[in-house]
Protein backbone atom coordinates (compact mmCIF):
# COMPACT_ATOMS: atom_id res chain seq x y z
CA UNK A 1 70.74 91.26 94.73
CA UNK A 2 69.40 92.28 98.16
CA UNK A 3 71.91 93.34 100.78
CA UNK A 4 71.08 90.26 102.89
CA UNK A 5 72.10 88.04 99.93
CA UNK A 6 75.64 89.46 99.77
CA UNK A 7 78.30 86.91 100.71
CA UNK A 8 80.65 89.58 102.12
CA UNK A 9 79.97 92.15 104.79
CA UNK A 10 82.09 95.06 105.97
CA UNK A 11 85.01 94.13 108.12
CA UNK A 12 84.81 94.71 111.85
CA UNK A 13 86.24 98.25 111.73
CA UNK A 14 83.54 100.68 112.87
CA UNK A 15 81.75 102.69 110.21
CA UNK A 16 81.86 106.35 111.26
CA UNK A 17 79.11 108.63 109.94
CA UNK A 18 77.76 106.00 107.53
CA UNK A 19 75.76 107.29 104.55
CA UNK A 20 73.71 105.65 101.82
CA UNK A 21 74.72 106.59 98.27
CA UNK A 22 71.90 107.85 96.10
CA UNK A 23 73.66 107.80 92.73
CA UNK A 24 72.10 106.44 89.56
CA UNK A 25 74.67 104.60 87.46
CA UNK A 26 74.67 102.34 84.40
CA UNK A 27 73.49 98.87 85.33
CA UNK A 28 76.52 97.27 83.68
CA UNK A 29 78.86 99.38 85.86
CA UNK A 30 76.95 98.45 89.02
CA UNK A 31 77.21 94.76 88.11
CA UNK A 32 80.91 95.19 87.32
CA UNK A 33 81.47 96.91 90.69
CA UNK A 34 79.62 94.15 92.55
CA UNK A 35 81.59 91.48 90.66
CA UNK A 36 84.87 93.20 91.52
CA UNK A 37 83.95 93.40 95.21
CA UNK A 38 82.91 89.74 95.15
CA UNK A 39 86.22 88.80 93.51
CA UNK A 40 88.09 90.70 96.25
CA UNK A 41 85.88 89.10 98.92
CA UNK A 42 84.75 92.43 100.36
CA UNK A 43 81.48 94.34 100.32
CA UNK A 44 80.82 96.84 97.52
CA UNK A 45 80.55 99.65 100.08
CA UNK A 46 83.94 98.77 101.57
CA UNK A 47 85.46 98.72 98.09
CA UNK A 48 84.03 102.22 97.45
CA UNK A 49 85.53 103.56 100.69
CA UNK A 50 88.94 102.04 99.90
CA UNK A 51 88.85 103.52 96.39
CA UNK A 52 87.98 107.02 97.60
CA UNK A 53 90.58 106.94 100.40
CA UNK A 54 93.40 105.88 98.05
CA UNK A 55 92.42 107.76 94.87
CA UNK A 56 95.56 109.35 93.36
CA UNK A 57 95.06 113.07 92.69
CA UNK A 58 97.08 115.49 90.57
CA UNK A 59 98.33 118.89 91.75
CA UNK A 60 94.89 120.39 91.00
CA UNK A 61 92.97 117.87 93.09
CA UNK A 62 91.61 115.94 90.10
CA UNK A 63 91.91 112.14 89.79
CA UNK A 64 95.03 111.40 87.75
CA UNK A 65 92.96 109.48 85.17
CA UNK A 66 90.43 112.32 84.66
CA UNK A 67 90.89 114.12 81.31
CA UNK A 68 92.14 117.68 81.52
CA UNK A 69 89.29 120.13 80.89
CA UNK A 70 89.46 122.23 77.73
CA UNK A 71 90.23 125.93 78.07
CA UNK A 72 87.10 128.09 78.01
CA UNK A 73 86.40 129.82 74.67
CA UNK A 74 88.39 132.98 74.21
CA UNK A 75 90.83 132.33 77.07
CA UNK A 76 94.46 131.96 76.14
CA UNK A 77 96.84 130.18 78.47
CA UNK A 78 99.18 132.93 79.69
CA UNK A 79 102.04 132.10 82.01
CA UNK A 80 102.54 134.47 84.91
CA UNK A 81 106.02 135.89 85.48
């Protein structure tokens, strides 16, 4: 779908330092993202900005839904006193 075919455009708030995303993603995820934005009656780019600005992070700065990385080989978890 070309950007001119989108039924929803960004709201009137100014876009500061706008950037194009150059990520390659699975087609099914792109379609799902577009469908979600359409359901919410906002543009996909606005939905992305809202998601990033409100993403819950844990105490290490990782998204709360991101799996905890495994310990590197040979490193034992040692608590500091």
